[in-house]
Amino acid sequence: MRTMLCLIVFVGLSACATSTPPEVRSGEIYQRHAGEEPVSSVRYSSIRSWRPVGDRSVLIEFSRNQHYLFELSPACQTEIRFVQSIRLLTALPRRVDRFDRIQVGDSVCRIEEIREVDFEAVQADLKALRQEAEPAREDVDSDRIHQDDYSGGT
């Protein structure tokens, strides 16, 4: 019993150490790099990918390097993190407007706001977070290592 308890505590601590930083989970980074002014509509040819961002937002990549943050009505709040796919319900083909809808699981949510995201800035922030999370490496004298490893022969 004691061994099992120790194992559970160890696994729990390991999960905490490798978890995603809170600012990424909450969508703060994506929110920070979303444009100040909302856009009224977006023309697109296809959806490349999407991901939930926080409890009421979805990041959608339409074509290469076109990322938009969609703020949704609260109806999708409970399902957004668990669904496998989303569906755009638009009035016009290949164009999504503010007040169109997104189906998330069994819920249909109104789009409240659309903002373009500077995805390169998001990636730079995420890279910086990963580097902060890694332990600092001490400078290593590589010449010394190679000299010590040299066996000197055939």
C-alpha atoms as a PDB file:
ATOM      1  CA  MET A   1       0.000   0.000   0.000  1.00  0.00           C
ATOM      2  CA  ARG A   2       2.804   2.394   0.903  1.00  0.00           C
ATOM      3  CA  THR A   3       4.614   1.598  -2.356  1.00  0.00           C
ATOM      4  CA  MET A   4       1.467   2.346  -4.328  1.00  0.00           C
ATOM      5  CA  LEU A   5       1.043   5.698  -2.555  1.00  0.00           C
ATOM      6  CA  CYS A   6       4.659   6.643  -3.284  1.00  0.00           C
ATOM      7  CA  LEU A   7       4.190   5.707  -6.946  1.00  0.00           C
ATOM      8  CA  ILE A   8       1.059   7.860  -7.221  1.00  0.00           C
ATOM      9  CA  VAL A   9       2.815  10.845  -5.633  1.00  0.00           C
ATOM     10  CA  PHE A  10       5.829  10.413  -7.942  1.00  0.00           C
ATOM     11  CA  VAL A  11       3.663  10.241 -11.069  1.00  0.00           C
ATOM     12  CA  GLY A  12       1.699  13.293  -9.937  1.00  0.00           C
ATOM     13  CA  LEU A  13       4.852  15.314  -9.325  1.00  0.00           C
ATOM     14  CA  SER A  14       6.283  14.248 -12.687  1.00  0.00           C
ATOM     15  CA  ALA A  15       3.123  15.393 -14.440  1.00  0.00           C
ATOM     16  CA  CYS A  16       3.333  18.779 -12.747  1.00  0.00           C
ATOM     17  CA  ALA A  17       6.954  19.242 -13.743  1.00  0.00           C
ATOM     18  CA  THR A  18       6.291  18.618 -17.433  1.00  0.00           C
ATOM     19  CA  SER A  19       2.895  20.288 -17.761  1.00  0.00           C
ATOM     20  CA  THR A  20       2.178  23.142 -20.121  1.00  0.00           C
ATOM     21  CA  PRO A  21       2.754  26.570 -18.582  1.00  0.00           C
ATOM     22  CA  PRO A  22      -0.477  28.180 -17.310  1.00  0.00           C
ATOM     23  CA  GLU A  23      -0.245  31.106 -19.717  1.00  0.00           C
ATOM     24  CA  VAL A  24      -0.336  28.679 -22.666  1.00  0.00           C
ATOM     25  CA  ARG A  25      -3.255  26.708 -21.241  1.00  0.00           C
ATOM     26  CA  SER A  26      -5.271  29.850 -20.656  1.00  0.00           C
ATOM     27  CA  GLY A  27      -4.596  31.205 -24.121  1.00  0.00           C
ATOM     28  CA  GLU A  28      -2.877  34.320 -22.822  1.00  0.00           C
ATOM     29  CA  ILE A  29      -0.129  34.170 -25.438  1.00  0.00           C
ATOM     30  CA  TYR A  30      -2.605  33.857 -28.310  1.00  0.00           C
ATOM     31  CA  GLN A  31      -4.740  36.651 -26.866  1.00  0.00           C
ATOM     32  CA  ARG A  32      -1.680  38.889 -26.518  1.00  0.00           C
ATOM     33  CA  HIS A  33      -0.776  38.499 -30.194  1.00  0.00           C
ATOM     34  CA  ALA A  34      -4.302  38.830 -31.571  1.00  0.00           C
ATOM     35  CA  GLY A  35      -4.933  42.096 -33.369  1.00  0.00           C
ATOM     36  CA  GLU A  36      -6.318  45.049 -31.463  1.00  0.00           C
ATOM     37  CA  GLU A  37      -9.147  45.620 -33.929  1.00  0.00           C
ATOM     38  CA  PRO A  38     -11.590  42.801 -34.696  1.00  0.00           C
ATOM     39  CA  VAL A  39     -12.207  41.970 -38.338  1.00  0.00           C
ATOM     40  CA  SER A  40     -15.748  41.641 -39.672  1.00  0.00           C
ATOM     41  CA  SER A  41     -15.097  38.692 -42.010  1.00  0.00           C
ATOM     42  CA  VAL A  42     -12.448  36.309 -43.312  1.00  0.00           C
ATOM     43  CA  ARG A  43     -12.281  34.754 -46.766  1.00  0.00           C
ATOM     44  CA  TYR A  44     -10.732  31.300 -46.887  1.00  0.00           C
ATOM     45  CA  SER A  45     -10.223  28.354 -49.201  1.00  0.00           C
ATOM     46  CA  SER A  46      -9.806  25.637 -46.585  1.00  0.00           C
ATOM     47  CA  ILE A  47      -9.201  25.025 -42.906  1.00  0.00           C
ATOM     48  CA  ARG A  48      -5.713  23.648 -42.265  1.00  0.00           C
ATOM     49  CA  SER A  49      -5.946  23.251 -38.502  1.00  0.00           C
ATOM     50  CA  TRP A  50      -7.654  24.477 -35.357  1.00  0.00           C
ATOM     51  CA  ARG A  51      -7.093  24.335 -31.610  1.00  0.00           C
ATOM     52  CA  PRO A  52      -8.982  25.441 -28.532  1.00  0.00           C
ATOM     53  CA  VAL A  53      -7.512  28.481 -26.818  1.00  0.00           C
ATOM     54  CA  GLY A  54      -8.882  28.967 -23.346  1.00  0.00           C
ATOM     55  CA  ASP A  55     -12.505  28.246 -22.554  1.00  0.00           C
ATOM     56  CA  ARG A  56     -14.244  30.394 -25.159  1.00  0.00           C
ATOM     57  CA  SER A  57     -11.807  30.799 -28.045  1.00  0.00           C
ATOM     58  CA  VAL A  58     -10.662  28.814 -31.052  1.00  0.00           C
ATOM     59  CA  LEU A  59      -7.551  29.456 -33.131  1.00  0.00           C
ATOM     60  CA  ILE A  60      -8.124  28.526 -36.777  1.00  0.00           C
ATOM     61  CA  GLU A  61      -5.450  28.378 -39.469  1.00  0.00           C
ATOM     62  CA  PHE A  62      -7.169  28.822 -42.824  1.00  0.00           C
ATOM     63  CA  SER A  63      -4.273  28.747 -45.230  1.00  0.00           C
ATOM     64  CA  ARG A  64      -0.575  28.946 -44.673  1.00  0.00           C
ATOM     65  CA  ASN A  65       0.156  31.663 -42.116  1.00  0.00           C
ATOM     66  CA  GLN A  66      -3.414  32.960 -41.846  1.00  0.00           C
ATOM     67  CA  HIS A  67      -4.370  32.463 -38.197  1.00  0.00           C
ATOM     68  CA  TYR A  68      -7.488  33.910 -36.610  1.00  0.00           C
ATOM     69  CA  LEU A  69      -8.749  33.852 -33.056  1.00  0.00           C
ATOM     70  CA  PHE A  70     -12.505  33.338 -32.763  1.00  0.00           C
ATOM     71  CA  GLU A  71     -14.205  34.343 -29.530  1.00  0.00           C
ATOM     72  CA  LEU A  72     -17.334  32.234 -29.084  1.00  0.00           C
ATOM     73  CA  SER A  73     -20.509  32.595 -27.081  1.00  0.00           C
ATOM     74  CA  PRO A  74     -20.498  30.756 -23.730  1.00  0.00           C
ATOM     75  CA  ALA A  75     -22.542  27.813 -25.064  1.00  0.00           C
ATOM     76  CA  CYS A  76     -19.379  26.007 -26.269  1.00  0.00           C
ATOM     77  CA  GLN A  77     -17.414  26.567 -23.087  1.00  0.00           C
ATOM     78  CA  THR A  78     -17.865  23.056 -21.693  1.00  0.00           C
ATOM     79  CA  GLU A  79     -17.142  21.083 -24.869  1.00  0.00           C
ATOM     80  CA  ILE A  80     -14.455  23.046 -26.661  1.00  0.00           C
ATOM     81  CA  ARG A  81     -11.477  21.269 -25.073  1.00  0.00           C
ATOM     82  CA  PHE A  82     -12.793  17.766 -25.716  1.00  0.00           C
ATOM     83  CA  VAL A  83     -14.128  17.674 -29.289  1.00  0.00           C
ATOM     84  CA  GLN A  84     -12.324  16.119 -32.239  1.00  0.00           C
ATOM     85  CA  SER A  85     -13.655  18.519 -34.858  1.00  0.00           C
ATOM     86  CA  ILE A  86     -15.489  21.772 -35.360  1.00  0.00           C
ATOM     87  CA  ARG A  87     -17.763  22.922 -38.159  1.00  0.00           C
ATOM     88  CA  LEU A  88     -18.218  26.425 -39.537  1.00  0.00           C
ATOM     89  CA  LEU A  89     -21.868  27.310 -40.157  1.00  0.00           C
ATOM     90  CA  THR A  90     -21.679  30.303 -42.484  1.00  0.00           C
ATOM     91  CA  ALA A  91     -24.176  32.289 -44.516  1.00  0.00           C
ATOM     92  CA  LEU A  92     -21.799  32.640 -47.473  1.00  0.00           C
ATOM     93  CA  PRO A  93     -19.513  29.961 -48.915  1.00  0.00           C
ATOM     94  CA  ARG A  94     -15.778  30.328 -48.180  1.00  0.00           C
ATOM     95  CA  ARG A  95     -16.371  33.357 -45.975  1.00  0.00           C
ATOM     96  CA  VAL A  96     -16.898  33.480 -42.229  1.00  0.00           C
ATOM     97  CA  ASP A  97     -18.430  36.596 -40.713  1.00  0.00           C
ATOM     98  CA  ARG A  98     -18.876  37.855 -37.219  1.00  0.00           C
ATOM     99  CA  PHE A  99     -22.164  36.465 -35.917  1.00  0.00           C
ATOM    100  CA  ASP A 100     -21.862  33.300 -38.047  1.00  0.00           C
ATOM    101  CA  ARG A 101     -21.758  30.131 -35.974  1.00  0.00           C
ATOM    102  CA  ILE A 102     -19.364  27.330 -35.125  1.00  0.00           C
ATOM    103  CA  GLN A 103     -20.566  23.886 -34.159  1.00  0.00           C
ATOM    104  CA  VAL A 104     -18.518  22.395 -31.324  1.00  0.00           C
ATOM    105  CA  GLY A 105     -19.676  18.872 -30.555  1.00  0.00           C
ATOM    106  CA  ASP A 106     -23.428  19.086 -29.983  1.00  0.00           C
ATOM    107  CA  SER A 107     -23.355  22.829 -29.247  1.00  0.00           C
ATOM    108  CA  VAL A 108     -23.738  25.601 -31.792  1.00  0.00           C
ATOM    109  CA  CYS A 109     -22.036  28.834 -30.761  1.00  0.00           C
ATOM    110  CA  ARG A 110     -22.221  32.318 -32.173  1.00  0.00           C
ATOM    111  CA  ILE A 111     -18.941  33.952 -33.190  1.00  0.00           C
ATOM    112  CA  GLU A 112     -18.669  37.096 -31.114  1.00  0.00           C
ATOM    113  CA  GLU A 113     -15.339  38.391 -32.394  1.00  0.00           C
ATOM    114  CA  ILE A 114     -12.663  37.541 -34.989  1.00  0.00           C
ATOM    115  CA  ARG A 115      -9.097  38.812 -34.654  1.00  0.00           C
ATOM    116  CA  GLU A 116      -6.049  38.044 -36.787  1.00  0.00           C
ATOM    117  CA  VAL A 117      -3.156  36.486 -34.863  1.00  0.00           C
ATOM    118  CA  ASP A 118       0.543  37.209 -35.393  1.00  0.00           C
ATOM    119  CA  PHE A 119       1.486  33.542 -35.303  1.00  0.00           C
ATOM    120  CA  GLU A 120       5.232  34.162 -35.712  1.00  0.00           C
ATOM    121  CA  ALA A 121       5.169  36.195 -32.490  1.00  0.00           C
ATOM    122  CA  VAL A 122       3.205  33.390 -30.781  1.00  0.00           C
ATOM    123  CA  GLN A 123       5.816  30.842 -31.853  1.00  0.00           C
ATOM    124  CA  ALA A 124       8.633  33.076 -30.597  1.00  0.00           C
ATOM    125  CA  ASP A 125       6.943  33.410 -27.185  1.00  0.00           C
ATOM    126  CA  LEU A 126       6.351  29.651 -26.971  1.00  0.00           C
ATOM    127  CA  LYS A 127       9.990  28.984 -27.857  1.00  0.00           C
ATOM    128  CA  ALA A 128      11.116  31.408 -25.149  1.00  0.00           C
ATOM    129  CA  LEU A 129       8.873  29.649 -22.607  1.00  0.00           C
ATOM    130  CA  ARG A 130      10.341  26.266 -23.532  1.00  0.00           C
ATOM    131  CA  GLN A 131      13.870  27.643 -23.152  1.00  0.00           C
ATOM    132  CA  GLU A 132      13.019  29.073 -19.726  1.00  0.00           C
ATOM    133  CA  ALA A 133      11.654  25.708 -18.657  1.00  0.00           C
ATOM    134  CA  GLU A 134      14.839  23.849 -19.659  1.00  0.00           C
ATOM    135  CA  PRO A 135      17.628  23.799 -17.102  1.00  0.00           C
ATOM    136  CA  ALA A 136      20.512  26.090 -17.973  1.00  0.00           C
ATOM    137  CA  ARG A 137      23.463  24.286 -19.484  1.00  0.00           C
ATOM    138  CA  GLU A 138      26.896  25.147 -18.208  1.00  0.00           C
ATOM    139  CA  ASP A 139      29.522  26.043 -20.736  1.00  0.00           C
ATOM    140  CA  VAL A 140      31.448  22.958 -21.703  1.00  0.00           C
ATOM    141  CA  ASP A 141      35.008  23.021 -22.949  1.00  0.00           C
ATOM    142  CA  SER A 142      34.576  20.749 -25.958  1.00  0.00           C
ATOM    143  CA  ASP A 143      38.316  20.704 -26.739  1.00  0.00           C
ATOM    144  CA  ARG A 144      38.959  19.271 -23.299  1.00  0.00           C
ATOM    145  CA  ILE A 145      36.320  16.566 -23.780  1.00  0.00           C
ATOM    146  CA  HIS A 146      37.741  15.529 -27.156  1.00  0.00           C
ATOM    147  CA  GLN A 147      41.283  15.484 -25.758  1.00  0.00           C
ATOM    148  CA  ASP A 148      40.222  13.258 -22.854  1.00  0.00           C
ATOM    149  CA  ASP A 149      38.280  10.907 -25.132  1.00  0.00           C
ATOM    150  CA  TYR A 150      41.118  10.425 -27.593  1.00  0.00           C
ATOM    151  CA  SER A 151      42.287   6.849 -27.397  1.00  0.00           C
ATOM    152  CA  GLY A 152      45.305   7.483 -29.564  1.00  0.00           C
ATOM    153  CA  GLY A 153      45.326   4.470 -31.721  1.00  0.00           C
ATOM    154  CA  THR A 154      44.142   1.899 -34.069  1.00  0.00           C
END
